[in-house]
Amino acid sequence: LNLWYKLFEEPTNPYVYKPEGWQWLEQTIQWARDAGVGLNLTMQAPPGGFQGPGSNTGFWTTQSHQDRLKALWVAIASRYRNEPAIVAYDILNEPNPATDAAWRTYAAAVAKAIRAVDPNHLLIVEQSFAPDAGPFLIPDSNVLYEFHVYDPWTYASQLSPKYGNG
């Protein structure tokens, strides 16, 4: 389930979570329960906006963006620590820091903050798109490591109408 931080808070009102964001998530969780589906909550667009390969919106150069995302995950994990319809928390989709060390440090810090309130749910830590990216482990035993591989791009996007092959 793709998440956008603005569902929960406005850039001009950090750390104040909107009731309509929680209502939307509650309804989605209920639909998942009713359908017998497990949800992987994936942060697609953190404070500062979407970032990924070929895109960087300032998340990695603005400490307050990083702090706000960590706090939002703690709020989500606190609220849903015992929710069986939620299978996992994917900390950040396609992290794109300047160095892999920045992501490693941040992923471990967010995992530790989540674990302080929720020891139950699987955490998903994706590979970064930093130039020096490589495999790594964080100090947690309930983690799934995810890798997005798009090479060669013409193969990965072969059915995309944008590239004329779909």
Protein backbone atom coordinates (compact mmCIF):
# COMPACT_ATOMS: atom_id res chain seq x y z
CA LEU A 1 0.00 0.00 0.00
CA ASN A 2 1.75 3.14 -1.20
CA LEU A 3 1.85 5.95 1.35
CA TRP A 4 2.50 9.64 0.89
CA TYR A 5 3.42 11.57 4.02
CA LYS A 6 1.00 14.39 3.07
CA LEU A 7 -1.85 11.98 3.72
CA PHE A 8 -0.92 12.35 7.40
CA GLU A 9 0.63 15.81 7.76
CA GLU A 10 1.07 19.07 5.92
CA PRO A 11 4.53 20.53 5.23
CA THR A 12 3.47 23.68 7.09
CA ASN A 13 2.25 21.75 10.14
CA PRO A 14 4.85 19.06 10.90
CA TYR A 15 4.18 16.37 13.50
CA VAL A 16 0.45 17.20 13.59
CA TYR A 17 -1.28 14.21 12.05
CA LYS A 18 -4.52 14.69 10.17
CA PRO A 19 -7.56 12.64 11.26
CA GLU A 20 -8.55 12.04 7.63
CA GLY A 21 -5.22 10.28 7.01
CA TRP A 22 -5.86 7.85 9.84
CA GLN A 23 -9.47 7.40 8.66
CA TRP A 24 -8.28 6.53 5.15
CA LEU A 25 -5.77 4.02 6.50
CA GLU A 26 -8.35 2.50 8.87
CA GLN A 27 -10.78 2.03 5.97
CA THR A 28 -8.07 0.46 3.82
CA ILE A 29 -7.10 -1.90 6.65
CA GLN A 30 -10.74 -2.90 7.06
CA TRP A 31 -11.01 -3.67 3.34
CA ALA A 32 -7.85 -5.76 3.60
CA ARG A 33 -9.26 -7.65 6.60
CA ASP A 34 -12.54 -8.26 4.78
CA ALA A 35 -10.70 -9.57 1.71
CA GLY A 36 -8.16 -11.62 3.68
CA VAL A 37 -5.30 -9.57 2.24
CA GLY A 38 -2.13 -8.53 4.07
CA LEU A 39 -0.83 -4.98 3.64
CA ASN A 40 2.75 -3.89 3.17
CA LEU A 41 2.79 -0.19 4.09
CA THR A 42 5.35 1.38 1.75
CA MET A 43 6.53 4.98 2.09
CA GLN A 44 6.58 6.12 -1.53
CA ALA A 45 6.78 9.86 -0.92
CA PRO A 46 8.43 11.05 2.30
CA PRO A 47 8.58 14.66 3.50
CA GLY A 48 10.12 16.63 0.66
CA GLY A 49 8.38 14.44 -1.93
CA PHE A 50 9.13 11.37 -4.00
CA GLN A 51 12.76 10.48 -4.45
CA GLY A 52 14.33 7.62 -6.31
CA PRO A 53 16.65 6.87 -9.23
CA GLY A 54 17.24 10.07 -11.17
CA SER A 55 15.24 12.08 -8.64
CA ASN A 56 16.16 13.69 -5.37
CA THR A 57 13.83 16.13 -3.68
CA GLY A 58 15.97 17.17 -0.75
CA PHE A 59 15.09 14.38 1.67
CA TRP A 60 18.75 13.56 2.23
CA THR A 61 19.89 17.16 2.65
CA THR A 62 17.11 18.28 5.00
CA GLN A 63 17.38 16.81 8.49
CA SER A 64 13.84 17.86 9.40
CA HIS A 65 12.47 15.73 6.53
CA GLN A 66 14.29 12.69 7.88
CA ASP A 67 13.17 13.41 11.45
CA ARG A 68 9.55 13.81 10.35
CA LEU A 69 9.53 10.53 8.44
CA LYS A 70 10.98 8.68 11.43
CA ALA A 71 8.33 10.23 13.70
CA LEU A 72 5.57 9.30 11.26
CA TRP A 73 6.73 5.68 11.22
CA VAL A 74 6.72 5.65 15.02
CA ALA A 75 3.15 7.01 15.01
CA ILE A 76 2.04 4.38 12.49
CA ALA A 77 3.81 1.56 14.32
CA SER A 78 2.42 2.68 17.69
CA ARG A 79 -1.09 2.73 16.34
CA TYR A 80 -0.94 -0.58 14.45
CA ARG A 81 1.54 -2.68 16.44
CA ASN A 82 -1.06 -5.40 16.96
CA GLU A 83 -2.81 -5.17 13.58
CA PRO A 84 -2.62 -8.55 11.81
CA ALA A 85 -3.79 -7.14 8.45
CA ILE A 86 -0.52 -5.22 8.26
CA VAL A 87 2.30 -7.54 7.25
CA ALA A 88 5.21 -5.10 6.95
CA TYR A 89 6.50 -1.56 7.01
CA ASP A 90 8.68 -0.61 4.02
CA ILE A 91 10.67 2.25 5.50
CA LEU A 92 11.39 4.10 2.24
CA ASN A 93 10.85 3.20 -1.39
CA GLU A 94 13.97 3.51 -3.54
CA PRO A 95 16.15 5.60 -1.21
CA ASN A 96 18.49 7.82 -3.19
CA PRO A 97 21.10 9.30 -0.82
CA ALA A 98 24.47 10.69 -1.87
CA THR A 99 26.19 7.79 -0.09
CA ASP A 100 25.04 4.36 0.95
CA ALA A 101 26.32 5.03 4.48
CA ALA A 102 23.64 7.71 4.87
CA TRP A 103 20.92 5.17 4.07
CA ARG A 104 22.44 2.46 6.25
CA THR A 105 22.56 4.80 9.23
CA TYR A 106 19.07 6.15 8.63
CA ALA A 107 17.47 2.71 8.05
CA ALA A 108 18.98 1.40 11.29
CA ALA A 109 17.77 4.47 13.22
CA VAL A 110 14.21 4.20 11.87
CA ALA A 111 14.14 0.47 12.57
CA LYS A 112 15.27 1.08 16.15
CA ALA A 113 12.60 3.77 16.63
CA ILE A 114 9.89 1.48 15.23
CA ARG A 115 11.05 -1.42 17.39
CA ALA A 116 10.69 0.73 20.50
CA VAL A 117 6.91 0.67 19.93
CA ASP A 118 6.31 -2.35 17.66
CA PRO A 119 8.37 -5.54 17.98
CA ASN A 120 5.93 -7.48 15.79
CA HIS A 121 5.88 -6.38 12.18
CA LEU A 122 8.33 -7.22 9.44
CA LEU A 123 10.49 -4.30 8.34
CA ILE A 124 11.46 -3.88 4.71
CA VAL A 125 14.79 -2.23 3.97
CA GLU A 126 15.44 -1.55 0.33
CA GLN A 127 18.78 -1.19 -1.39
CA SER A 128 19.72 2.40 -1.99
CA PHE A 129 20.41 3.95 -5.35
CA ALA A 130 23.55 5.67 -4.02
CA PRO A 131 26.57 5.36 -6.33
CA ASP A 132 28.34 3.19 -3.75
CA ALA A 133 25.33 1.01 -2.85
CA GLY A 134 25.95 -2.49 -1.63
CA PRO A 135 24.36 -5.16 0.51
CA PHE A 136 24.17 -4.55 4.24
CA LEU A 137 22.34 -5.69 7.34
CA ILE A 138 20.75 -3.66 10.09
CA PRO A 139 20.70 -4.86 13.70
CA ASP A 140 17.22 -6.41 13.58
CA SER A 141 16.16 -10.02 13.12
CA ASN A 142 12.77 -9.40 11.46
CA VAL A 143 13.81 -7.69 8.22
CA LEU A 144 13.25 -8.37 4.56
CA TYR A 145 15.85 -6.81 2.27
CA GLU A 146 14.46 -5.65 -1.06
CA PHE A 147 16.32 -4.86 -4.26
CA HIS A 148 14.93 -3.00 -7.27
CA VAL A 149 16.82 -3.82 -10.43
CA TYR A 150 15.98 -1.96 -13.64
CA ASP A 151 18.94 -2.88 -15.84
CA PRO A 152 18.69 -3.04 -18.69
CA TRP A 153 16.06 -0.30 -18.64
CA THR A 154 14.74 -1.24 -22.08
CA TYR A 155 13.89 -4.70 -20.73
CA ALA A 156 12.43 -3.48 -17.44
CA SER A 157 10.18 -0.97 -19.26
CA GLN A 158 9.43 -3.01 -22.37
CA LEU A 159 5.63 -2.81 -22.01
CA SER A 160 5.51 0.83 -20.97
CA PRO A 161 3.63 2.98 -23.50
CA LYS A 162 5.92 5.88 -22.57
CA TYR A 163 8.81 4.09 -24.26
CA GLY A 164 6.90 3.01 -27.37
CA ASN A 165 6.86 -0.71 -26.73
CA GLY A 166 3.52 -1.17 -24.96
